[in-house]
Amino acid sequence: MEQSVEARFQTLHEIVRAAHANLNRNVWDYLIGGSETETSLARNRQAIDSIGFRPRVLCDVSKIETRTTLFGKPLRIPVLLAPVGSLESFEPGGGGTVAEAAAIFGNGMLLSSVSEPGLEATAAKAGKALKIFQLYVRGDEHFVEDYFRRAMDNGYDAFCFTVDTAHYSRRERDTAKRYNRARAGAPGRDFQAKLTWRDIDRYRAKFKIPFILKGIATAEDASLAVEHGIDAVYVSNHGGRQLDHCLGSMEVLPEVVEAVNGRAKVIIDGGFYRGTDVVKAIAMGADVVSCGRLYVYGLAAAGAPGIVRVLEILEDEITICLALLGCPSVSGLNKSYVQRTSHVMPAHVHSAFNPLLDPLPFRY
């Protein structure tokens, strides 16, 4: 008798292992890899692991509240499914399957413009779930405006520009195997390189939909984003896949939160794999955490039920963390619950998982 997804996957690393078994080497390396030395990728984990908790006791934590909202839409936990290119490489339904999982669990997703089956078909699967469209600029203003109109016509709740991809990076896991992904050399990349704040202002004035800029890594750009009317600043180094030797996202978060000063929402991604990671980010001022690789493991392991299972485990971990911190809700988190400390585990893409329990044989 076939086991249920819940019975098969009791821990997150079991889902990672199943994804590894289902994917060929090229697709696996595309998923877990970063650029050049993968220092940015490792620093994402190191930055999260360098935050320790300061738990309080004798607090009433008999009821724990993990829910929040973003752009007026409810989220069961403060976690989004990040925009990931080529989702169809991991499971045939691609973005549609991810949207279906977000709707089932009660969370939100960002759809990448370079994932199939496209924004219309994905929106149809999302139901009432929060859905955000993320664009790589591959054409002129008419190209961009067409995506705006289509996104708005299909009920997307916000529109996201990724702004850290002015040039495609050197992803040497692919190069060393002579694996040439078609989108790495996609036509129209010059349009992304030419994108400026003037363009953002023009689109901001023309389209009445919440704007997100993904790829903010400094207080200076966070301040500019707010000055230009951006509704959400998305802290990211592209999962360590673009500029190498960046600071970890969690290292950058405090200066961004200070610069934004409550004038826009703050979203963050970069190495988030555990419920404790999510709690740390919220305590340090993020409104929502976005996970990429983690939910794709669920997608590759078991489709929509696999993603739902990832979110269920995260919810359980967040609930336990809040209770043991003495904080009954995510809305009550603040900097008093965390402190900088030394990291313990050597940082790499899977260092969030306990190496003593069924250790993962695929660190690199």
Protein backbone atom coordinates (compact mmCIF):
# COMPACT_ATOMS: atom_id res chain seq x y z
CA MET A 1 0.00 0.00 0.00
CA GLU A 2 1.44 3.35 -1.07
CA GLN A 3 2.34 5.71 1.78
CA SER A 4 0.81 9.17 2.03
CA VAL A 5 3.05 12.18 1.46
CA GLU A 6 2.75 12.99 5.17
CA ALA A 7 3.89 9.49 6.12
CA ARG A 8 6.76 9.52 3.61
CA PHE A 9 8.11 12.91 4.64
CA GLN A 10 8.45 13.58 8.34
CA THR A 11 11.44 15.90 7.97
CA LEU A 12 12.51 18.44 5.37
CA HIS A 13 15.76 16.67 4.56
CA GLU A 14 13.77 13.58 3.52
CA ILE A 15 12.08 15.76 0.90
CA VAL A 16 15.47 17.04 -0.28
CA ARG A 17 16.70 13.47 -0.64
CA ALA A 18 13.62 12.47 -2.68
CA ALA A 19 14.08 15.47 -4.98
CA HIS A 20 17.71 14.50 -5.51
CA ALA A 21 16.64 11.00 -6.49
CA ASN A 22 14.08 12.30 -9.01
CA LEU A 23 16.23 14.89 -10.82
CA ASN A 24 19.03 14.41 -13.30
CA ARG A 25 22.44 15.89 -12.50
CA ASN A 26 22.06 18.95 -14.72
CA VAL A 27 18.73 20.00 -13.27
CA TRP A 28 19.90 19.23 -9.72
CA ASP A 29 23.00 21.38 -10.11
CA TYR A 30 20.92 24.21 -11.61
CA LEU A 31 18.72 24.07 -8.52
CA ILE A 32 21.35 23.95 -5.78
CA GLY A 33 24.18 25.87 -7.45
CA GLY A 34 25.39 29.46 -7.25
CA SER A 35 27.78 31.63 -9.20
CA GLU A 36 31.56 31.25 -9.41
CA THR A 37 32.91 30.25 -5.95
CA GLU A 38 29.39 30.09 -4.45
CA THR A 39 30.51 32.38 -1.65
CA SER A 40 27.28 34.40 -1.75
CA LEU A 41 25.30 31.18 -1.48
CA ALA A 42 27.28 30.04 1.58
CA ARG A 43 27.09 33.47 3.21
CA ASN A 44 23.31 33.35 3.06
CA ARG A 45 23.35 30.32 5.35
CA GLN A 46 26.19 31.66 7.48
CA ALA A 47 24.29 34.92 8.09
CA ILE A 48 21.18 33.06 9.25
CA ASP A 49 23.19 30.70 11.45
CA SER A 50 24.97 33.68 13.04
CA ILE A 51 21.74 34.77 14.71
CA GLY A 52 20.91 33.22 18.08
CA PHE A 53 17.67 33.30 20.07
CA ARG A 54 16.97 35.03 23.40
CA PRO A 55 13.95 33.07 24.68
CA ARG A 56 11.56 34.37 27.35
CA VAL A 57 9.81 32.13 29.86
CA LEU A 58 6.57 32.06 31.89
CA CYS A 59 4.63 33.54 28.97
CA ASP A 60 1.20 32.23 27.94
CA VAL A 61 1.92 30.35 24.73
CA SER A 62 -1.04 27.98 24.93
CA LYS A 63 -2.23 29.43 21.62
CA ILE A 64 0.19 30.26 18.81
CA GLU A 65 -0.70 32.50 15.87
CA THR A 66 1.37 32.08 12.70
CA ARG A 67 -0.88 33.97 10.29
CA THR A 68 -0.15 37.31 8.67
CA THR A 69 -1.24 39.31 5.61
CA LEU A 70 0.42 40.86 2.59
CA PHE A 71 -1.27 43.31 0.22
CA GLY A 72 -4.55 42.54 1.96
CA LYS A 73 -4.34 38.79 1.36
CA PRO A 74 -4.08 36.26 4.21
CA LEU A 75 -1.02 34.04 4.61
CA ARG A 76 -1.21 30.98 6.85
CA ILE A 77 2.48 31.43 7.68
CA PRO A 78 4.74 34.40 6.78
CA VAL A 79 6.29 32.53 3.87
CA LEU A 80 6.02 33.05 0.10
CA LEU A 81 7.00 30.68 -2.69
CA ALA A 82 9.76 32.60 -4.46
CA PRO A 83 9.98 33.14 -8.23
CA VAL A 84 12.03 30.32 -9.74
CA GLY A 85 12.83 30.01 -13.44
CA SER A 86 12.12 26.84 -15.40
CA LEU A 87 9.79 25.30 -12.82
CA GLU A 88 8.65 22.90 -15.52
CA SER A 89 12.13 21.31 -15.35
CA PHE A 90 11.29 19.98 -11.89
CA GLU A 91 7.69 18.85 -12.52
CA PRO A 92 5.66 19.09 -15.75
CA GLY A 93 2.97 21.36 -14.32
CA GLY A 94 5.54 24.00 -13.38
CA GLY A 95 4.03 27.24 -12.12
CA GLY A 96 0.53 25.83 -12.27
CA THR A 97 1.43 23.10 -9.80
CA VAL A 98 3.04 25.65 -7.49
CA ALA A 99 -0.07 27.85 -7.65
CA GLU A 100 -2.26 24.85 -6.84
CA ALA A 101 -0.14 24.09 -3.76
CA ALA A 102 -0.26 27.72 -2.59
CA ALA A 103 -4.05 27.67 -2.84
CA ILE A 104 -4.37 24.35 -0.99
CA PHE A 105 -2.15 25.44 1.91
CA GLY A 106 -3.30 29.06 2.07
CA ASN A 107 -0.16 30.97 1.19
CA GLY A 108 1.18 32.97 -1.72
CA MET A 109 3.54 32.63 -4.66
CA LEU A 110 5.59 34.73 -7.03
CA LEU A 111 5.57 33.48 -10.61
CA SER A 112 8.74 34.00 -12.65
CA SER A 113 8.24 35.27 -16.20
CA VAL A 114 10.60 32.50 -17.34
CA SER A 115 8.52 29.64 -15.98
CA GLU A 116 5.78 27.73 -17.74
CA PRO A 117 2.82 27.52 -18.22
CA GLY A 118 2.72 31.33 -18.18
CA LEU A 119 0.84 33.88 -16.15
CA GLU A 120 -2.70 33.14 -17.36
CA ALA A 121 -2.63 29.38 -16.80
CA THR A 122 -0.87 29.82 -13.47
CA ALA A 123 -3.43 32.37 -12.28
CA ALA A 124 -6.22 29.95 -13.11
CA LYS A 125 -4.71 27.40 -10.69
CA ALA A 126 -4.11 29.89 -7.86
CA GLY A 127 -7.73 30.43 -6.84
CA LYS A 128 -7.92 33.01 -4.06
CA ALA A 129 -4.27 32.62 -3.04
CA LEU A 130 -1.96 35.61 -3.09
CA LYS A 131 -0.20 35.69 -6.46
CA ILE A 132 2.53 38.05 -7.62
CA PHE A 133 4.03 38.25 -11.09
CA GLN A 134 7.81 38.69 -11.39
CA LEU A 135 9.30 40.05 -14.61
CA TYR A 136 12.69 39.79 -16.24
CA VAL A 137 12.77 42.64 -18.76
CA ARG A 138 13.42 41.12 -22.18
CA GLY A 139 11.90 43.76 -24.40
CA ASP A 140 11.02 47.42 -24.79
CA GLU A 141 8.36 49.36 -22.89
CA HIS A 142 5.59 47.78 -24.98
CA PHE A 143 6.86 44.35 -23.90
CA VAL A 144 6.78 45.39 -20.24
CA GLU A 145 3.40 47.10 -20.45
CA ASP A 146 1.86 44.03 -22.05
CA TYR A 147 2.93 41.99 -19.01
CA PHE A 148 1.49 44.60 -16.67
CA ARG A 149 -1.88 44.52 -18.40
CA ARG A 150 -2.01 40.74 -18.54
CA ALA A 151 -1.03 40.43 -14.88
CA MET A 152 -3.68 42.92 -13.81
CA ASP A 153 -6.32 41.33 -16.05
CA ASN A 154 -5.61 37.96 -14.45
CA GLY A 155 -5.92 39.14 -10.87
CA TYR A 156 -2.29 39.29 -9.75
CA ASP A 157 -1.97 41.11 -6.44
CA ALA A 158 1.38 42.78 -7.12
CA PHE A 159 4.02 43.19 -9.84
CA CYS A 160 7.68 42.50 -9.16
CA PHE A 161 10.75 43.63 -11.10
CA THR A 162 13.92 41.63 -10.49
CA VAL A 163 16.70 44.21 -10.55
CA ASP A 164 19.90 42.26 -9.82
CA THR A 165 20.24 40.59 -13.25
CA ALA A 166 21.74 43.31 -15.45
CA HIS A 167 24.18 40.65 -16.61
CA TYR A 168 23.94 36.86 -16.47
CA SER A 169 26.43 35.36 -14.01
CA ARG A 170 29.02 32.60 -14.40
CA ARG A 171 27.37 29.45 -13.05
CA GLU A 172 30.30 27.13 -13.19
CA ARG A 173 28.50 23.94 -12.21
CA ASP A 174 26.83 24.24 -15.62
CA THR A 175 29.89 25.47 -17.50
CA ALA A 176 32.17 22.72 -16.19
CA LYS A 177 29.75 20.09 -17.53
CA ARG A 178 29.26 22.05 -20.79
CA TYR A 179 25.58 22.22 -19.93
CA ASN A 180 24.19 25.21 -21.79
CA ARG A 181 20.76 26.22 -20.60
CA ALA A 182 18.86 27.98 -23.35
CA ARG A 183 17.72 30.85 -21.15
CA ALA A 184 21.26 31.77 -20.14
CA GLY A 185 21.67 33.21 -23.63
CA ALA A 186 18.07 34.34 -24.12
CA PRO A 187 17.54 37.26 -26.52
CA GLY A 188 16.62 40.66 -25.13
CA ARG A 189 18.94 40.68 -22.13
CA ASP A 190 20.17 44.17 -23.02
CA PHE A 191 16.78 45.56 -22.03
CA GLN A 192 17.33 44.40 -18.44
CA ALA A 193 20.77 46.02 -18.42
CA LYS A 194 19.25 49.34 -19.50
CA LEU A 195 16.51 49.38 -16.83
CA THR A 196 16.76 52.46 -14.56
CA TRP A 197 14.84 54.30 -11.86
CA ARG A 198 13.31 56.47 -14.61
CA ASP A 199 11.68 53.39 -16.09
CA ILE A 200 10.35 52.36 -12.69
CA ASP A 201 8.85 55.84 -12.24
CA ARG A 202 7.15 55.65 -15.64
CA TYR A 203 5.56 52.27 -14.97
CA ARG A 204 4.67 53.28 -11.41
CA ALA A 205 2.74 56.28 -12.73
CA LYS A 206 0.94 54.28 -15.41
CA PHE A 207 -0.16 51.13 -13.56
CA LYS A 208 -2.07 51.03 -10.28
CA ILE A 209 -0.85 47.80 -8.75
CA PRO A 210 1.54 47.26 -5.81
CA PHE A 211 5.18 47.35 -6.95
CA ILE A 212 8.01 45.17 -5.64
CA LEU A 213 11.71 45.49 -6.41
CA LYS A 214 13.56 42.19 -5.93
CA GLY A 215 17.33 42.23 -5.52
CA ILE A 216 17.83 45.09 -3.04
CA ALA A 217 21.07 44.63 -1.10
CA THR A 218 21.87 48.03 0.46
CA ALA A 219 20.25 50.70 2.59
CA GLU A 220 20.95 53.20 -0.19
CA ASP A 221 18.83 51.35 -2.74
CA ALA A 222 16.15 50.59 -0.15
CA SER A 223 15.84 54.32 0.53
CA LEU A 224 15.65 55.06 -3.19
CA ALA A 225 12.98 52.41 -3.64
CA VAL A 226 10.78 54.05 -1.01
CA GLU A 227 11.39 57.48 -2.51
CA HIS A 228 10.23 56.13 -5.87
CA GLY A 229 7.00 54.83 -4.39
CA ILE A 230 7.80 51.12 -4.21
CA ASP A 231 5.37 49.16 -2.03
CA ALA A 232 7.70 46.30 -1.05
CA VAL A 233 11.48 46.06 -0.92
CA TYR A 234 12.68 42.53 -1.57
CA VAL A 235 16.10 41.81 -0.01
CA SER A 236 17.90 39.21 -2.11
CA ASN A 237 21.20 38.28 -3.72
CA HIS A 238 19.37 35.93 -6.08
CA GLY A 239 20.09 32.94 -3.89
CA GLY A 240 23.81 33.40 -4.46
CA ARG A 241 23.30 32.94 -8.19
CA GLN A 242 24.27 36.39 -9.49
CA LEU A 243 27.05 38.54 -8.00
CA ASP A 244 29.49 36.36 -6.08
CA HIS A 245 31.00 37.50 -2.75
CA CYS A 246 27.86 39.36 -1.65
CA LEU A 247 26.88 39.76 1.96
CA GLY A 248 24.31 37.26 3.15
CA SER A 249 20.73 38.50 2.93
CA MET A 250 20.32 38.41 6.71
CA GLU A 251 23.43 40.57 7.08
CA VAL A 252 21.80 43.17 4.85
CA LEU A 253 18.34 43.02 6.42
CA PRO A 254 18.92 45.36 9.42
CA GLU A 255 20.15 48.27 7.30
CA VAL A 256 17.29 47.81 4.83
CA VAL A 257 14.67 47.71 7.60
CA GLU A 258 16.14 50.88 9.09
CA ALA A 259 16.17 52.65 5.72
CA VAL A 260 12.60 51.64 4.87
CA ASN A 261 11.40 52.67 8.36
CA GLY A 262 7.93 51.20 7.93
CA ARG A 263 7.21 53.00 4.66
CA ALA A 264 7.11 49.79 2.62
CA LYS A 265 6.89 46.06 3.21
CA VAL A 266 10.14 44.12 3.49
CA ILE A 267 10.47 40.67 1.90
CA ILE A 268 13.63 38.59 2.12
CA ASP A 269 15.04 35.42 0.60
CA GLY A 270 18.41 33.71 0.58
CA GLY A 271 19.11 30.40 2.29
CA PHE A 272 15.88 30.03 4.28
CA TYR A 273 15.19 26.35 4.96
CA ARG A 274 13.76 26.05 8.48
CA GLY A 275 10.97 27.50 10.58
CA THR A 276 13.60 28.93 12.92
CA ASP A 277 15.12 30.78 9.94
CA VAL A 278 11.75 32.38 9.22
CA VAL A 279 11.28 33.44 12.84
CA LYS A 280 14.73 35.05 12.91
CA ALA A 281 13.95 37.14 9.83
CA ILE A 282 10.59 38.32 11.13
CA ALA A 283 12.15 39.20 14.49
CA MET A 284 14.73 41.32 12.66
CA GLY A 285 12.10 43.31 10.79
CA ALA A 286 11.09 41.40 7.66
CA ASP A 287 7.38 41.16 6.97
CA VAL A 288 7.55 37.96 4.94
CA VAL A 289 10.22 35.38 4.06
CA SER A 290 10.42 33.96 0.55
CA CYS A 291 11.70 30.41 -0.01
CA GLY A 292 12.93 29.16 -3.37
CA ARG A 293 15.03 26.01 -3.37
CA LEU A 294 13.13 24.58 -0.41
CA TYR A 295 9.71 24.44 -2.05
CA VAL A 296 11.22 23.28 -5.34
CA TYR A 297 12.51 20.23 -3.48
CA GLY A 298 8.90 19.55 -2.55
CA LEU A 299 7.80 20.11 -6.15
CA ALA A 300 10.42 17.69 -7.48
CA ALA A 301 9.76 15.13 -4.74
CA ALA A 302 5.96 14.92 -4.98
CA GLY A 303 4.38 17.73 -6.99
CA ALA A 304 1.77 19.93 -5.29
CA PRO A 305 1.41 17.60 -2.27
CA GLY A 306 5.18 17.82 -1.82
CA ILE A 307 5.07 21.60 -1.67
CA VAL A 308 2.14 21.50 0.75
CA ARG A 309 4.13 19.09 2.93
CA VAL A 310 7.10 21.48 2.96
CA LEU A 311 4.81 24.28 4.15
CA GLU A 312 3.18 22.05 6.77
CA ILE A 313 6.57 21.18 8.25
CA LEU A 314 7.62 24.84 8.20
CA GLU A 315 4.38 25.73 9.98
CA ASP A 316 5.10 23.13 12.66
CA GLU A 317 8.66 24.39 13.10
CA ILE A 318 7.51 28.02 13.31
CA THR A 319 4.85 27.12 15.88
CA ILE A 320 7.33 25.23 18.06
CA CYS A 321 9.90 28.02 17.78
CA LEU A 322 7.40 30.71 18.81
CA ALA A 323 6.20 28.68 21.78
CA LEU A 324 9.71 28.02 23.04
CA LEU A 325 10.66 31.67 22.51
CA GLY A 326 7.76 32.73 24.73
CA CYS A 327 6.17 34.70 21.87
CA PRO A 328 2.57 33.69 21.04
CA SER A 329 2.39 35.26 17.57
CA VAL A 330 4.55 36.26 14.63
CA SER A 331 3.23 39.81 15.02
CA GLY A 332 4.82 39.96 18.49
CA LEU A 333 8.34 39.19 17.28
CA ASN A 334 10.99 41.90 17.57
CA LYS A 335 14.75 42.31 17.91
CA SER A 336 14.69 41.52 21.63
CA TYR A 337 14.31 37.83 20.73
CA VAL A 338 17.55 37.59 18.71
CA GLN A 339 21.24 38.36 19.02
CA ARG A 340 24.33 38.06 16.85
CA THR A 341 26.49 35.08 17.73
CA SER A 342 28.99 32.70 16.16
CA HIS A 343 27.80 30.15 13.65
CA VAL A 344 28.45 26.48 14.41
CA MET A 345 27.98 24.45 11.23
CA PRO A 346 30.18 25.02 8.16
CA ALA A 347 27.93 26.93 5.77
CA HIS A 348 26.80 25.37 2.50
CA VAL A 349 23.57 24.92 0.58
CA HIS A 350 22.31 22.12 2.85
CA SER A 351 23.91 23.04 6.16
CA ALA A 352 20.46 23.72 7.65
CA PHE A 353 19.95 19.98 7.97
CA ASN A 354 21.39 17.86 10.78
CA PRO A 355 24.32 15.86 9.32
CA LEU A 356 23.99 13.21 12.02
CA LEU A 357 20.48 12.19 10.93
CA ASP A 358 20.47 10.33 7.62
CA PRO A 359 23.22 12.67 6.33
CA LEU A 360 22.80 14.10 2.88
CA PRO A 361 25.48 12.74 0.53
CA PHE A 362 25.29 15.72 -1.79
CA ARG A 363 26.73 18.78 -0.11
CA TYR A 364 28.13 19.91 -3.42
